[in-house]
Amino acid sequence: MGQSLEQKIATAEERISKLGSALTALSGGVDSSLLLALAVRALGPNRVVAVTALGPVESEEDARSAEDLAKLVGSPHRVIHLDPFEIPEFPLNTPQRCYFCRRQLFAALEKIRVEEGLATILEGAIADDATDYRPGSRAALESAVGRPLAEAGFTKEEVRMASRLLGLPTAEKPASPCLASRFPYGQAITVEGLEMVARAESLLHSRGFPVVRVRHHGPVARIEVPSEQIPRVSAEPLRSEITAALKEMGYAYVSLDLEGFRSGSLNEVLPKRGNQVLPERLDEVVPLSREDHQTK
């Protein structure tokens, strides 16, 4: 029989408490927000530092959410600025793109960890992440980053349930992965393209679509909304309003994906072996402890 939600919370807190102190990567999303709240409960606010990375692939809304959450739980909060365009591989947008970005992030967090005298770095990965292609997991393993929510077996719904239980304002927040995830693999990522995506999704949010993706296929904007909302977004006068606005932003064509929103839809084109996405997932490797990592 699986653990109850309360048992998973206790398991995660027990794992965190044994660390003594921690730096938590705080994106402002639901997973990292729960992680920070549990870390503060387990270690106390004086032994935890939350760090949020800002750059052209992060949304302003997530940055504000991260700041508000850190204040709510009483954690010290640092903001750093990272430019993924300093990574040669980033604009090439291969299926390994996320690995290179996460490696940049964890290198920056490691410097802060040392400066602050903290025991380890934690991130908000969860058990559900193992069901999708997550090349960033390789960077976490290489950097000996702890993943207590995943280790405790938290699913996405359980993260939301635990967040409600703790009264966190992020409990109902829609997932918001980095803006680079809107670009099909192999299509170059540009600053201009990222800005177009950010503006287009902000517009749709303001029109009552909290869950939305604008996939950037060069001159084509492919809009994904939950299937039950397709009739609304395609009805007049909203259809014409959205089309005109996105064309004003620089898109030549505006399309609506009739399959509806699904997380990670751009991974659908990757080759598979059975149910496994290739290149093979690297998140099933047993993570090293920090001590093991430093002796390698």
Foldseek 3Di string as FASTA:
>chain_A
DADDLVVLLVQLLVVLLVLQAEEEEQQLALQSLLNVLSNCVNRNQVRYEYEYEDELQHAPVSVVSRVVSCVVSVHHYYYHYDYLVVPVCQQQQAPLNLLSVLLVVLVVVVVVCVVSVHRAYEYRDALCVVLDADNVLVSCQLSQYHHSRNVSHDDLLSSLVVCVVVVRPNSPQDDDDTLSLLEAGRHGDDSLQSVLQNVLVVVVVVVPQRDWGFRCPDLETEIAGALVCVVVCCDPPNVVVSQVVSVVSPHPYYHYDNVHDDPSPSQVPADADVSAGPVGHPNVDDGDHNVVSVVD
